[in-house]
C-alpha cells in the first residue's frame, strides 16, 4: 500500500485498533436499504432520468467505495446494484478484514459482476476507473489535505459520473470539538487508555455540564460501541466545514454540486413558517442554506452529491416527453406491492390503487412508454399520477 498522505500510517493504525463502523456482522443481505447507495436511485434523484437498461440485464455500473472501512457501505452497494463492478478500498488492514468477512457472510459478491476489496489509499488509485459512481462517506475529513483527496476522486470519475460525500459540519460538532481538544490536552492518546479515560471524562463531569448533557442526550447510543466512541472523540486527524467553506471546497475540484442527499434538512419550512418562511424562500440558494445552518445548531454533517461535467436535470414538465418516457419502480421501497409503503427514506408513504396499477403496468412492460400502458387513465390524470409518483420516489423514468 502506498501512502501519499503523511497521516495515512497514523490513521491506518487507529482504524486497525478500532475498526469502523462497528455494525454487527450477520448472515444474509444487509437490513433494508439506503437509496444513496443505489446508483439508479441516485441518478434519478440528481438528473431526473435514467439511461436505458441494457438488453437482458441490469445497468453495469462501475462503482468505487473509497474508504470502505468495515464494509457496511460496500455490502449495500453490492446488494442494491446487481450486475455492477465494485472496488472497495481502505487504508486499514484491520477494517478490511472485517469488510471481507461481512461481504462473505452476506453473499455480496454473488450479487455483482465483480467485487474487489483491496488495501489502498484513495490518493493512489491512478490505475483504476473511470467510475460511474463513487461513494466516500466520512473519509476526506480525515486526510491531512482533503482537497487533494477530492481532486483524486474527481480524477477517477467518468464524464457524467456522480460522487457521494459525507463531511463533518462545524456547527453541530461544537461540543465534540471541545471534548476532542480537552482529551488532547490531557494527553490520553488514541488507544485503549484514551478510550477508558474518554468515557471516564463524561462520567466525572458534573451532571449539568453542557458537554456531558449533549453527549448523553445525543451521542451516547451512537457511541456505545468502542470503535464509534473512538472515531468521534479520539481520532488523530479531523477537519470540518461551514456551508460557505464546503462550497469553496467543491469548487476547488471543478465539480458541480448536484444536491444534498438529505434535502429535507435544508428546507427552511421545517424551521420557519408564515412571513419569515416567505422571506427565507426569497433568498438565493446559498444564503437559504446558510440560514438553515445558523438556525439549526444540531446539523453535524453535510451529505451531498457532486457531478463531473454539467448536470442537466430533466424536469418532466412537458406532457409529450413524459408520456414518451418509460417507467421503472424504485428498488428502494419497503412493502411493495402495496398502497402502504415505506418510501426511499424509510418514511411511511401511501399511494392509491390507481397509482399502484400504473407502476405495476410499467414493471410488466419495461419497454412500453407511459402513454401506451394499457390503463384506463386519461392523458391529464396519467401525467398527474406519474409526476406525483416521481416526486415521491416510487417511480423512476427512462428517456
Protein backbone atom coordinates (compact mmCIF):
# COMPACT_ATOMS: atom_id res chain seq x y z
CA UNK A 1 0.00 0.00 0.00
CA UNK A 2 1.37 3.39 -1.00
CA UNK A 3 0.76 6.22 1.47
CA UNK A 4 0.55 9.55 -0.35
CA UNK A 5 -0.94 11.32 2.68
CA UNK A 6 1.54 11.91 5.50
CA UNK A 7 -1.06 11.00 8.13
CA UNK A 8 -2.03 7.70 6.47
CA UNK A 9 0.06 5.42 8.75
CA UNK A 10 -1.33 7.10 11.89
CA UNK A 11 -4.94 6.94 10.69
CA UNK A 12 -4.48 3.37 9.44
CA UNK A 13 -3.14 2.28 12.82
CA UNK A 14 -6.08 4.00 14.53
CA UNK A 15 -8.62 2.06 12.47
CA UNK A 16 -6.66 -1.17 12.91
CA UNK A 17 -7.27 -0.70 16.66
CA UNK A 18 -10.86 0.48 16.23
CA UNK A 19 -12.36 -0.95 13.01
CA UNK A 20 -15.17 1.38 11.97
CA UNK A 21 -18.11 1.39 11.64
CA UNK A 22 -18.85 -1.17 14.36
CA UNK A 23 -22.06 -2.53 12.80
CA UNK A 24 -22.52 -6.21 13.68
CA UNK A 25 -21.88 -8.96 11.14
CA UNK A 26 -24.79 -11.08 10.03
CA UNK A 27 -25.63 -13.83 7.59
CA UNK A 28 -27.63 -12.80 4.55
CA UNK A 29 -28.28 -9.41 2.94
CA UNK A 30 -27.96 -6.20 4.96
CA UNK A 31 -31.21 -4.93 6.51
CA UNK A 32 -33.44 -2.68 4.44
CA UNK A 33 -31.82 -0.28 2.02
CA UNK A 34 -30.19 3.12 1.73
CA UNK A 35 -31.14 4.75 -1.57
CA UNK A 36 -27.91 6.79 -1.56
CA UNK A 37 -26.08 3.52 -2.29
CA UNK A 38 -28.42 2.51 -5.14
CA UNK A 39 -26.98 4.13 -8.26
CA UNK A 40 -30.28 4.04 -10.18
CA UNK A 41 -31.96 5.95 -7.34
CA UNK A 42 -29.11 8.44 -7.09
CA UNK A 43 -29.09 9.18 -10.82
CA UNK A 44 -32.85 9.60 -10.82
CA UNK A 45 -32.58 12.00 -7.87
CA UNK A 46 -29.75 14.06 -9.37
CA UNK A 47 -30.59 14.00 -13.08
CA UNK A 48 -34.29 13.12 -13.11
CA UNK A 49 -33.74 10.41 -15.71
CA UNK A 50 -32.05 7.04 -16.12
CA UNK A 51 -30.20 5.64 -19.14
CA UNK A 52 -31.90 2.74 -20.93
CA UNK A 53 -31.49 -0.72 -19.50
CA UNK A 54 -29.09 -2.91 -21.48
CA UNK A 55 -30.75 -5.82 -23.17
CA UNK A 56 -31.09 -8.78 -20.84
CA UNK A 57 -29.68 -7.31 -17.65
CA UNK A 58 -29.28 -4.50 -15.11
CA UNK A 59 -27.16 -1.40 -15.72
CA UNK A 60 -23.47 -2.37 -15.39
CA UNK A 61 -22.46 0.49 -13.12
CA UNK A 62 -18.77 0.87 -12.23
CA UNK A 63 -18.61 1.72 -8.52
CA UNK A 64 -15.80 2.78 -6.17
CA UNK A 65 -16.26 2.66 -2.40
CA UNK A 66 -13.41 4.95 -1.35
CA UNK A 67 -12.71 4.44 2.34
CA UNK A 68 -15.00 1.45 2.86
CA UNK A 69 -13.99 0.75 6.47
CA UNK A 70 -15.61 -2.43 7.75
CA UNK A 71 -17.65 -2.80 4.56
CA UNK A 72 -21.12 -1.64 5.62
CA UNK A 73 -21.44 0.63 2.58
CA UNK A 74 -19.78 -1.96 0.30
CA UNK A 75 -22.36 -4.54 1.35
CA UNK A 76 -25.25 -2.25 0.41
CA UNK A 77 -23.57 -1.15 -2.82
CA UNK A 78 -23.39 -4.76 -3.94
CA UNK A 79 -26.92 -5.76 -2.94
CA UNK A 80 -28.53 -2.59 -4.33
CA UNK A 81 -26.65 -2.60 -7.66
CA UNK A 82 -26.89 -6.11 -9.13
CA UNK A 83 -24.58 -6.62 -12.08
CA UNK A 84 -22.22 -3.78 -11.11
CA UNK A 85 -18.45 -3.98 -10.76
CA UNK A 86 -17.40 -2.77 -7.31
CA UNK A 87 -13.96 -1.80 -6.00
CA UNK A 88 -13.79 -1.15 -2.24
CA UNK A 89 -10.60 0.33 -0.79
CA UNK A 90 -9.40 1.37 2.65
CA UNK A 91 -6.07 2.06 4.33
CA UNK A 92 -6.76 -0.15 7.37
CA UNK A 93 -5.96 -3.85 7.11
CA UNK A 94 -7.98 -4.47 10.27
CA UNK A 95 -11.09 -2.80 8.89
CA UNK A 96 -10.72 -4.63 5.58
CA UNK A 97 -10.54 -7.97 7.36
CA UNK A 98 -13.98 -7.22 8.81
CA UNK A 99 -15.25 -5.97 5.41
CA UNK A 100 -14.23 -9.22 3.71
CA UNK A 101 -15.96 -11.30 6.38
CA UNK A 102 -19.07 -9.10 6.24
CA UNK A 103 -19.46 -9.37 2.48
CA UNK A 104 -18.67 -13.11 2.53
CA UNK A 105 -21.42 -13.77 5.03
CA UNK A 106 -23.93 -11.57 3.22
CA UNK A 107 -23.27 -13.08 -0.21
CA UNK A 108 -22.41 -9.67 -1.64
CA UNK A 109 -20.04 -10.96 -4.33
CA UNK A 110 -22.81 -13.11 -5.79
CA UNK A 111 -24.90 -10.01 -6.48
CA UNK A 112 -22.39 -8.22 -8.71
CA UNK A 113 -20.28 -8.92 -11.76
CA UNK A 114 -17.10 -8.34 -9.74
CA UNK A 115 -16.20 -7.33 -6.18
CA UNK A 116 -12.67 -6.38 -5.20
CA UNK A 117 -11.75 -5.37 -1.64
CA UNK A 118 -8.21 -4.02 -1.51
CA UNK A 119 -5.88 -2.04 0.76
CA UNK A 120 -5.17 1.30 -0.90
CA UNK A 121 -5.28 4.98 -0.12
CA UNK A 122 -7.86 6.78 -2.22
CA UNK A 123 -4.95 9.03 -3.25
CA UNK A 124 -3.24 6.12 -5.00
CA UNK A 125 -5.84 4.87 -7.49
CA UNK A 126 -4.49 6.35 -10.72
CA UNK A 127 -4.63 2.93 -12.40
CA UNK A 128 -8.32 2.43 -11.58
CA UNK A 129 -11.54 3.69 -13.12
CA UNK A 130 -13.21 5.56 -14.54
CA UNK A 131 -16.20 5.05 -12.26
CA UNK A 132 -19.84 5.94 -12.77
CA UNK A 133 -20.37 6.32 -9.03
CA UNK A 134 -18.00 6.93 -6.14
CA UNK A 135 -19.09 6.64 -2.53
CA UNK A 136 -16.80 8.23 0.06
CA UNK A 137 -18.56 8.65 3.38
CA UNK A 138 -16.70 10.10 6.34
CA UNK A 139 -13.28 9.86 4.70
CA UNK A 140 -11.97 13.11 3.21
CA UNK A 141 -12.24 14.99 6.51
CA UNK A 142 -9.66 12.58 7.96
CA UNK A 143 -6.99 13.40 5.35
CA UNK A 144 -4.22 15.88 6.02
CA UNK A 145 -5.16 17.54 2.71
CA UNK A 146 -8.86 16.94 1.99
CA UNK A 147 -8.66 18.97 -1.24
CA UNK A 148 -6.06 16.55 -2.61
CA UNK A 149 -8.44 13.73 -1.77
CA UNK A 150 -11.34 15.40 -3.54
CA UNK A 151 -9.23 16.04 -6.64
CA UNK A 152 -8.08 12.42 -6.63
CA UNK A 153 -11.69 11.20 -6.56
CA UNK A 154 -12.72 13.71 -9.24
CA UNK A 155 -9.98 12.30 -11.48
CA UNK A 156 -11.46 8.81 -11.08
CA UNK A 157 -15.00 9.85 -12.11
CA UNK A 158 -16.23 9.12 -15.61
CA UNK A 159 -17.79 12.04 -17.51
CA UNK A 160 -21.29 12.42 -16.08
CA UNK A 161 -20.30 10.38 -13.04
CA UNK A 162 -21.59 11.11 -9.54
CA UNK A 163 -19.73 11.33 -6.24
CA UNK A 164 -21.42 10.92 -2.84
CA UNK A 165 -19.65 12.59 0.09
CA UNK A 166 -20.25 12.92 3.82
CA UNK A 167 -18.21 15.59 5.64
CA UNK A 168 -18.34 16.97 9.15
CA UNK A 169 -20.07 20.29 9.82
CA UNK A 170 -18.69 22.84 12.27
CA UNK A 171 -21.94 23.86 13.94
CA UNK A 172 -23.24 20.52 15.17
CA UNK A 173 -19.80 19.39 16.36
CA UNK A 174 -19.13 22.33 18.70
CA UNK A 175 -19.34 20.17 21.82
CA UNK A 176 -17.48 17.27 20.18
CA UNK A 177 -14.61 19.58 19.23
CA UNK A 178 -14.31 20.81 22.82
CA UNK A 179 -14.13 17.25 24.14
CA UNK A 180 -11.56 16.33 21.50
CA UNK A 181 -9.38 19.30 22.44
CA UNK A 182 -9.73 18.54 26.15
CA UNK A 183 -8.68 14.92 25.73
CA UNK A 184 -5.79 16.00 23.53
CA UNK A 185 -4.60 18.48 26.18
CA UNK A 186 -4.78 15.75 28.80
CA UNK A 187 -2.61 13.57 26.53
CA UNK A 188 -4.80 10.49 26.86
CA UNK A 189 -3.80 9.21 23.41
CA UNK A 190 -5.89 7.39 20.83
CA UNK A 191 -5.55 3.83 22.11
CA UNK A 192 -7.30 1.74 24.76
CA UNK A 193 -6.14 4.06 27.57
CA UNK A 194 -7.61 7.05 25.73
CA UNK A 195 -10.85 5.16 25.27
CA UNK A 196 -11.08 4.37 29.00
CA UNK A 197 -10.26 7.91 30.05
CA UNK A 198 -12.55 9.43 27.44
CA UNK A 199 -15.52 7.51 28.81
CA UNK A 200 -14.40 8.38 32.34
CA UNK A 201 -14.45 12.08 31.43
CA UNK A 202 -18.18 12.00 30.73
CA UNK A 203 -18.94 10.15 33.97
CA UNK A 204 -16.89 12.62 36.05
CA UNK A 205 -18.12 15.90 34.57
CA UNK A 206 -20.98 17.44 36.61
CA UNK A 207 -24.39 16.17 35.58
CA UNK A 208 -25.48 19.62 34.42
CA UNK A 209 -22.30 20.19 32.38
CA UNK A 210 -23.25 21.08 28.80
CA UNK A 211 -20.72 18.70 27.23
CA UNK A 212 -21.91 15.78 29.33
CA UNK A 213 -25.58 16.55 28.73
CA UNK A 214 -25.04 16.90 24.98
CA UNK A 215 -23.21 13.57 24.83
CA UNK A 216 -25.78 11.71 26.91
CA UNK A 217 -28.77 13.17 25.08
CA UNK A 218 -27.49 12.94 21.54
CA UNK A 219 -24.46 10.68 21.12
CA UNK A 220 -24.43 8.08 23.91
CA UNK A 221 -26.33 5.47 21.88
CA UNK A 222 -24.30 6.09 18.71
CA UNK A 223 -21.03 5.74 20.63
CA UNK A 224 -21.96 2.68 22.70
CA UNK A 225 -19.52 0.63 20.60
CA UNK A 226 -15.89 1.40 21.46
CA UNK A 227 -14.93 1.90 17.80
CA UNK A 228 -17.66 4.52 17.38
CA UNK A 229 -16.66 6.35 20.57
CA UNK A 230 -13.03 6.40 19.47
CA UNK A 231 -13.93 7.63 15.98
CA UNK A 232 -15.89 10.53 17.44
CA UNK A 233 -13.65 11.69 20.27
CA UNK A 234 -10.14 10.24 19.80
CA UNK A 235 -9.45 10.43 16.07
CA UNK A 236 -5.90 11.72 15.41
CA UNK A 237 -6.90 13.86 12.42
CA UNK A 238 -10.14 15.60 11.52
CA UNK A 239 -11.48 18.60 9.60
CA UNK A 240 -14.94 20.13 9.49
CA UNK A 241 -16.71 22.74 7.36
CA UNK A 242 -19.21 25.55 7.25
CA UNK A 243 -21.58 25.74 4.29
CA UNK A 244 -19.53 28.53 2.65
CA UNK A 245 -16.23 26.65 3.05
CA UNK A 246 -17.90 23.49 1.80
CA UNK A 247 -18.91 25.17 -1.46
CA UNK A 248 -15.40 26.58 -1.91
CA UNK A 249 -14.08 23.06 -1.29
CA UNK A 250 -16.35 21.66 -4.03
CA UNK A 251 -15.29 24.38 -6.47
CA UNK A 252 -11.61 23.53 -5.90
CA UNK A 253 -12.06 20.25 -7.79
CA UNK A 254 -14.12 21.70 -10.66
CA UNK A 255 -17.13 19.56 -9.75
CA UNK A 256 -20.78 20.54 -9.86
CA UNK A 257 -22.90 20.43 -6.72
CA UNK A 258 -25.77 18.06 -7.53
CA UNK A 259 -27.80 18.32 -4.34
CA UNK A 260 -27.88 17.35 -0.68
CA UNK A 261 -28.71 13.69 -0.19
CA UNK A 262 -30.81 14.72 2.84
CA UNK A 263 -32.63 17.67 1.19
CA UNK A 264 -35.35 17.84 3.84
CA UNK A 265 -32.73 19.04 6.35
CA UNK A 266 -32.06 22.10 4.17
CA UNK A 267 -35.70 23.09 3.73
CA UNK A 268 -36.37 26.21 5.84
CA UNK A 269 -40.02 25.12 6.10
CA UNK A 270 -39.05 22.67 8.85
CA UNK A 271 -37.84 25.62 10.96
CA UNK A 272 -39.95 28.61 9.90
CA UNK A 273 -43.49 29.47 8.87
CA UNK A 274 -45.58 32.40 7.74
CA UNK A 275 -43.87 35.65 6.84
CA UNK A 276 -40.40 34.53 7.92
CA UNK A 277 -40.63 31.45 5.70
CA UNK A 278 -41.69 33.62 2.76
CA UNK A 279 -38.63 35.81 3.31
CA UNK A 280 -36.40 32.74 3.59
CA UNK A 281 -37.69 31.27 0.33
CA UNK A 282 -36.82 34.51 -1.47
CA UNK A 283 -33.14 34.16 -0.56
CA UNK A 284 -30.57 32.90 -3.08
CA UNK A 285 -29.90 29.19 -2.62
CA UNK A 286 -26.58 29.50 -0.79
CA UNK A 287 -27.99 32.16 1.55
CA UNK A 288 -31.00 29.96 2.24
CA UNK A 289 -28.74 27.05 3.19
CA UNK A 290 -26.63 29.36 5.37
CA UNK A 291 -29.80 30.48 7.15
CA UNK A 292 -30.73 26.86 7.92
CA UNK A 293 -27.17 26.23 9.11
CA UNK A 294 -27.39 29.19 11.51
CA UNK A 295 -30.86 28.28 12.80
CA UNK A 296 -30.15 24.58 13.40
CA UNK A 297 -27.04 24.05 15.54
CA UNK A 298 -27.64 20.28 15.51
CA UNK A 299 -26.51 19.86 11.89
CA UNK A 300 -23.35 17.83 12.45
CA UNK A 301 -22.55 16.79 8.90
CA UNK A 302 -23.08 17.51 5.22
CA UNK A 303 -24.10 14.70 2.87
CA UNK A 304 -24.33 15.53 -0.79
CA UNK A 305 -23.73 14.57 -4.42
CA UNK A 306 -21.25 16.06 -6.88
CA UNK A 307 -21.24 15.59 -10.64
CA UNK A 308 -18.43 15.57 -13.16
CA UNK A 309 -19.40 17.81 -16.03
CA UNK A 310 -22.56 19.86 -16.50
CA UNK A 311 -25.59 18.14 -15.00
CA UNK A 312 -28.83 18.96 -16.78
CA UNK A 313 -31.79 17.82 -14.70
CA UNK A 314 -34.81 16.56 -16.63
CA UNK A 315 -37.88 18.30 -15.16
CA UNK A 316 -40.65 16.34 -16.95
CA UNK A 317 -42.94 19.35 -17.16
CA UNK A 318 -43.77 18.61 -20.80
CA UNK A 319 -46.62 16.10 -21.17
CA UNK A 320 -45.39 14.76 -24.53
CA UNK A 321 -41.91 14.00 -23.16
CA UNK A 322 -43.36 12.48 -20.01
CA UNK A 323 -45.70 10.14 -21.88
CA UNK A 324 -42.87 9.06 -24.19
CA UNK A 325 -40.70 8.05 -21.23
CA UNK A 326 -40.63 4.54 -19.80
CA UNK A 327 -41.11 3.85 -16.12
CA UNK A 328 -39.23 1.77 -13.57
CA UNK A 329 -40.09 1.11 -9.96
CA UNK A 330 -37.57 2.34 -7.42
CA UNK A 331 -35.96 -0.70 -5.80
CA UNK A 332 -35.68 1.21 -2.51
CA UNK A 333 -39.23 0.69 -1.27
CA UNK A 334 -40.42 -1.41 1.63
CA UNK A 335 -43.65 -3.40 1.36
CA UNK A 336 -44.06 -3.43 -2.43
CA UNK A 337 -46.53 -4.15 -3.96
CA UNK A 338 -48.92 -2.33 -1.66
CA UNK A 339 -50.56 1.05 -1.27
CA UNK A 340 -48.95 1.39 2.19
CA UNK A 341 -45.18 1.57 1.83
CA UNK A 342 -42.01 2.83 3.37
CA UNK A 343 -40.50 5.20 0.83
CA UNK A 344 -36.86 5.70 -0.14
CA UNK A 345 -36.12 7.48 3.17
CA UNK A 346 -37.89 4.70 5.13
CA UNK A 347 -40.79 7.01 5.97
CA UNK A 348 -44.47 5.94 5.68
CA UNK A 349 -45.84 6.55 2.20
CA UNK A 350 -49.37 5.95 0.94
CA UNK A 351 -50.38 5.67 -2.72
CA UNK A 352 -53.80 4.78 -4.09
CA UNK A 353 -54.82 1.74 -6.12
CA UNK A 354 -54.52 3.51 -9.47
CA UNK A 355 -51.00 4.71 -8.61
CA UNK A 356 -50.13 1.13 -7.74
CA UNK A 357 -51.54 -0.17 -11.02
CA UNK A 358 -49.61 2.42 -13.02
CA UNK A 359 -46.29 1.34 -11.52
CA UNK A 360 -47.16 -2.36 -11.86
CA UNK A 361 -48.04 -1.84 -15.51
CA UNK A 362 -44.67 -0.11 -16.07
CA UNK A 363 -42.92 -3.04 -14.37
CA UNK A 364 -44.75 -5.55 -16.55
CA UNK A 365 -43.87 -3.72 -19.80
CA UNK A 366 -40.45 -2.06 -19.25
CA UNK A 367 -40.09 -1.11 -22.92
CA UNK A 368 -43.52 0.48 -23.15
CA UNK A 369 -43.85 4.29 -22.89
CA UNK A 370 -46.04 5.57 -20.09
CA UNK A 371 -48.52 6.95 -22.60
CA UNK A 372 -49.07 3.48 -24.12
CA UNK A 373 -49.52 1.50 -20.91
CA UNK A 374 -52.91 -0.30 -21.04
CA UNK A 375 -54.58 1.65 -18.24
CA UNK A 376 -57.99 3.39 -18.09
CA UNK A 377 -56.42 6.80 -17.49
CA UNK A 378 -56.91 9.96 -19.49
CA UNK A 379 -53.80 11.89 -20.52
CA UNK A 380 -54.11 14.55 -17.84
CA UNK A 381 -54.64 12.11 -15.00
CA UNK A 382 -51.92 9.79 -16.30
CA UNK A 383 -49.44 12.67 -16.27
CA UNK A 384 -50.53 13.86 -12.82
CA UNK A 385 -50.11 10.42 -11.33
CA UNK A 386 -46.74 9.82 -12.99
CA UNK A 387 -45.40 13.17 -11.73
CA UNK A 388 -46.64 12.52 -8.21
CA UNK A 389 -45.07 9.05 -8.14
CA UNK A 390 -41.85 10.52 -9.48
CA UNK A 391 -41.82 13.18 -6.75
CA UNK A 392 -42.48 10.53 -4.10
CA UNK A 393 -39.55 8.47 -5.35
CA UNK A 394 -41.74 5.47 -6.23
CA UNK A 395 -41.34 5.80 -9.99
CA UNK A 396 -38.17 6.46 -11.96
CA UNK A 397 -38.15 7.44 -15.63
CA UNK A 398 -36.06 6.33 -18.59
CA UNK A 399 -35.85 8.66 -21.58
